[in-house]
Protein backbone atom coordinates (compact mmCIF):
# COMPACT_ATOMS: atom_id res chain seq x y z
CA MET A 1 2.22 -143.52 18.65
CA ILE A 2 4.38 -143.40 21.70
CA TRP A 3 6.13 -140.36 20.36
CA LEU A 4 2.18 -139.14 20.42
CA VAL A 5 1.49 -139.80 23.84
CA LEU A 6 5.49 -138.11 24.63
CA ALA A 7 4.60 -135.28 22.71
CA VAL A 8 1.18 -134.70 25.36
CA LEU A 9 2.58 -135.44 28.26
CA LEU A 10 5.62 -132.66 27.71
CA LEU A 11 3.25 -130.34 26.64
CA ALA A 12 0.93 -130.86 29.47
CA ILE A 13 4.21 -130.41 31.68
CA ALA A 14 5.06 -127.03 30.17
CA ALA A 15 1.95 -125.66 30.24
CA ILE A 16 2.02 -126.34 34.34
CA LEU A 17 5.32 -125.06 34.40
CA ILE A 18 4.07 -121.69 32.52
CA VAL A 19 0.99 -121.18 34.84
CA ALA A 20 3.20 -121.74 37.85
CA ALA A 21 5.68 -119.66 37.10
CA VAL A 22 3.32 -116.91 36.21
CA LEU A 23 1.30 -116.65 39.11
CA GLU A 24 4.02 -116.79 41.79
CA GLY A 25 6.24 -114.74 39.93
CA ALA A 26 5.55 -111.99 41.71
CA VAL A 27 8.87 -111.09 43.26
CA PRO A 28 10.34 -108.08 42.28
CA VAL A 29 13.42 -107.99 39.77
CA GLU A 30 15.54 -105.48 38.99
CA ILE A 31 17.44 -105.60 35.39
CA ASP A 32 20.05 -103.93 34.64
CA PRO A 33 20.66 -104.02 30.57
CA ALA A 34 23.01 -101.25 29.28
CA GLY A 35 23.28 -99.17 31.85
CA VAL A 36 19.19 -98.84 32.37
CA SER A 37 17.35 -99.99 35.44
CA VAL A 38 14.04 -101.49 35.05
CA ASP A 39 11.91 -102.60 37.70
CA THR A 40 9.54 -105.58 37.16
CA SER A 41 8.63 -109.18 37.67
CA VAL A 42 9.65 -112.62 37.36
CA SER A 43 6.49 -113.13 35.60
CA GLY A 44 7.29 -110.46 33.32
CA VAL A 45 10.52 -111.42 32.06
CA PHE A 46 9.43 -115.12 31.72
CA ILE A 47 6.61 -113.74 29.39
CA THR A 48 9.20 -111.78 27.87
CA GLY A 49 11.42 -114.58 27.19
CA ILE A 50 7.93 -116.44 25.77
CA VAL A 51 7.62 -113.69 23.28
CA THR A 52 11.37 -113.40 22.43
CA GLY A 53 11.21 -117.12 21.74
CA LEU A 54 7.99 -117.34 19.82
CA LEU A 55 9.79 -114.33 17.58
CA VAL A 56 12.67 -116.62 16.78
CA LEU A 57 10.64 -119.85 16.03
CA GLY A 58 8.17 -117.36 13.71
CA GLY A 59 11.68 -115.85 11.84
CA ILE A 60 12.90 -119.33 11.26
CA ALA A 61 9.28 -120.51 10.17
CA ALA A 62 9.54 -117.38 7.20
CA VAL A 63 12.96 -118.35 6.51
CA LEU A 64 12.05 -122.00 5.77
CA VAL A 65 8.43 -121.01 3.79
CA GLY A 66 10.86 -118.56 1.66
CA ILE A 67 13.45 -120.88 0.34
CA GLN A 68 10.31 -123.42 -0.20
CA GLN A 69 9.35 -121.15 -2.54
CA VAL A 70 11.96 -120.19 -4.29
CA ARG A 71 13.12 -123.72 -4.72
CA ALA A 72 9.40 -123.57 -6.23
CA ARG A 73 10.32 -121.38 -8.31
CA ARG A 74 13.69 -122.78 -10.38
CA ARG A 75 11.49 -125.84 -10.57
CA GLU A 76 8.85 -123.99 -12.52
CA ILE A 77 11.17 -122.14 -14.17
CA GLU A 78 13.33 -125.01 -15.28
CA TYR A 79 10.44 -126.84 -15.98
CA LEU A 80 9.03 -123.79 -18.71
CA ARG A 81 12.63 -124.09 -20.06
CA GLN A 82 12.11 -127.74 -21.22
CA ARG A 83 8.81 -126.58 -22.54
CA VAL A 84 9.79 -123.82 -24.97
CA ALA A 85 12.64 -126.17 -25.84
CA GLU A 86 10.80 -128.95 -26.63
CA GLN A 87 8.43 -126.87 -28.44
CA ASP A 88 11.29 -125.27 -30.32
CA ARG A 89 11.89 -128.84 -31.74
CA MET A 90 8.58 -129.53 -33.22
CA ALA A 91 8.33 -126.11 -34.65
CA ARG A 92 11.49 -126.95 -36.64
CA PRO A 93 10.99 -128.38 -39.69
CA ALA A 94 11.74 -131.74 -41.23
CA GLY A 95 14.40 -130.82 -43.25
CA ALA A 96 16.38 -129.46 -40.25
CA LYS A 97 15.77 -131.77 -37.98
CA GLN A 98 17.39 -134.32 -40.47
CA ALA A 99 20.16 -132.40 -41.55
CA ASP A 100 21.21 -132.00 -37.76
CA LYS A 101 20.77 -135.71 -37.47
CA ALA A 102 23.35 -135.89 -40.11
CA ALA A 103 25.27 -133.55 -39.05
CA LYS A 104 25.72 -135.02 -35.74
CA ALA A 105 26.49 -137.98 -36.74
CA SER A 106 28.71 -137.15 -39.39
CA THR A 107 30.81 -135.21 -36.49
CA ALA A 108 30.69 -138.48 -34.10
CA THR A 109 32.08 -141.04 -36.99
CA GLN A 110 34.36 -138.41 -37.58
CA GLY A 111 36.07 -138.34 -34.20
CA ASP A 112 35.78 -141.77 -33.98
CA PRO A 113 36.59 -144.28 -36.30
CA THR A 114 35.76 -147.25 -34.21
CA SER A 115 32.42 -146.09 -33.61
CA ARG A 116 29.08 -148.29 -34.50
CA GLU A 117 28.08 -146.32 -36.52
CA ALA A 118 31.45 -146.04 -38.78
CA THR A 119 31.58 -149.74 -38.48
CA ALA A 120 28.11 -150.62 -39.13
CA THR A 121 26.99 -152.69 -41.91
CA PRO A 122 23.39 -152.02 -43.41
CA SER A 123 21.79 -154.93 -41.75
CA SER A 124 23.28 -154.03 -38.44
CA ARG A 125 21.36 -150.15 -39.16
CA GLY A 126 18.67 -151.80 -39.61
CA ASP A 127 17.81 -151.05 -43.28
CA THR A 128 14.74 -152.16 -44.99
CA GLU A 129 16.67 -152.80 -48.20
CA THR A 130 19.43 -155.04 -47.49
CA GLY A 131 17.62 -157.68 -44.94
CA GLY A 132 15.53 -155.94 -42.50
CA SER A 133 15.04 -155.40 -38.89
CA SER A 134 11.91 -155.43 -36.94
CA ARG A 135 11.24 -151.76 -34.66
CA ARG A 136 12.41 -152.58 -31.14
CA GLU A 137 15.80 -154.28 -33.29
CA LYS A 138 16.08 -150.63 -34.68
CA ARG A 139 15.90 -149.14 -31.55
CA ARG A 140 17.80 -151.04 -28.97
CA ASN A 141 20.65 -150.56 -31.89
CA ASP A 142 19.75 -146.48 -31.92
CA ARG A 143 20.85 -146.57 -28.38
CA PRO A 144 24.34 -145.31 -26.94
CA GLY A 145 26.68 -148.85 -26.36
CA ALA A 146 24.09 -150.63 -27.47
CA ALA A 147 25.66 -154.02 -29.49
CA ASN A 148 23.77 -155.08 -32.18
CA VAL A 149 20.91 -157.43 -31.87
CA SER A 150 19.78 -159.20 -34.44
CA SER A 151 17.70 -161.87 -32.57
CA TYR A 152 16.54 -162.65 -29.08
């Protein structure tokens, strides 16, 4: 709330100073940029400064909007790539998915003979033929780095 009061107070002071500069700025001024002599008044110089400042602010605002649009476009492209990848995975036949899982498992256990997959017993893997486990235990055991959880 204090910031709002401070902002209104500063805007009021700025408005008063602008009106005073424009009304009292009838004094002639000679400006000599790059060897060209220009006769104007103080209020003319002041208004030129205001217009220049507004143009700079407009340029900065345009750059910020452009940056936001580029970021939004990148997020959308990444999202669409993920969707396409998911659809490709879902469209693959079940046999191809199982072959991929088997290939991943064989390459994972070949590189590390002490891995959980290589040293697991049928009951720790949750095989239903040798004792079985609940679905929750199977999910916990399937996580990378998860310990064998046979009971709570």
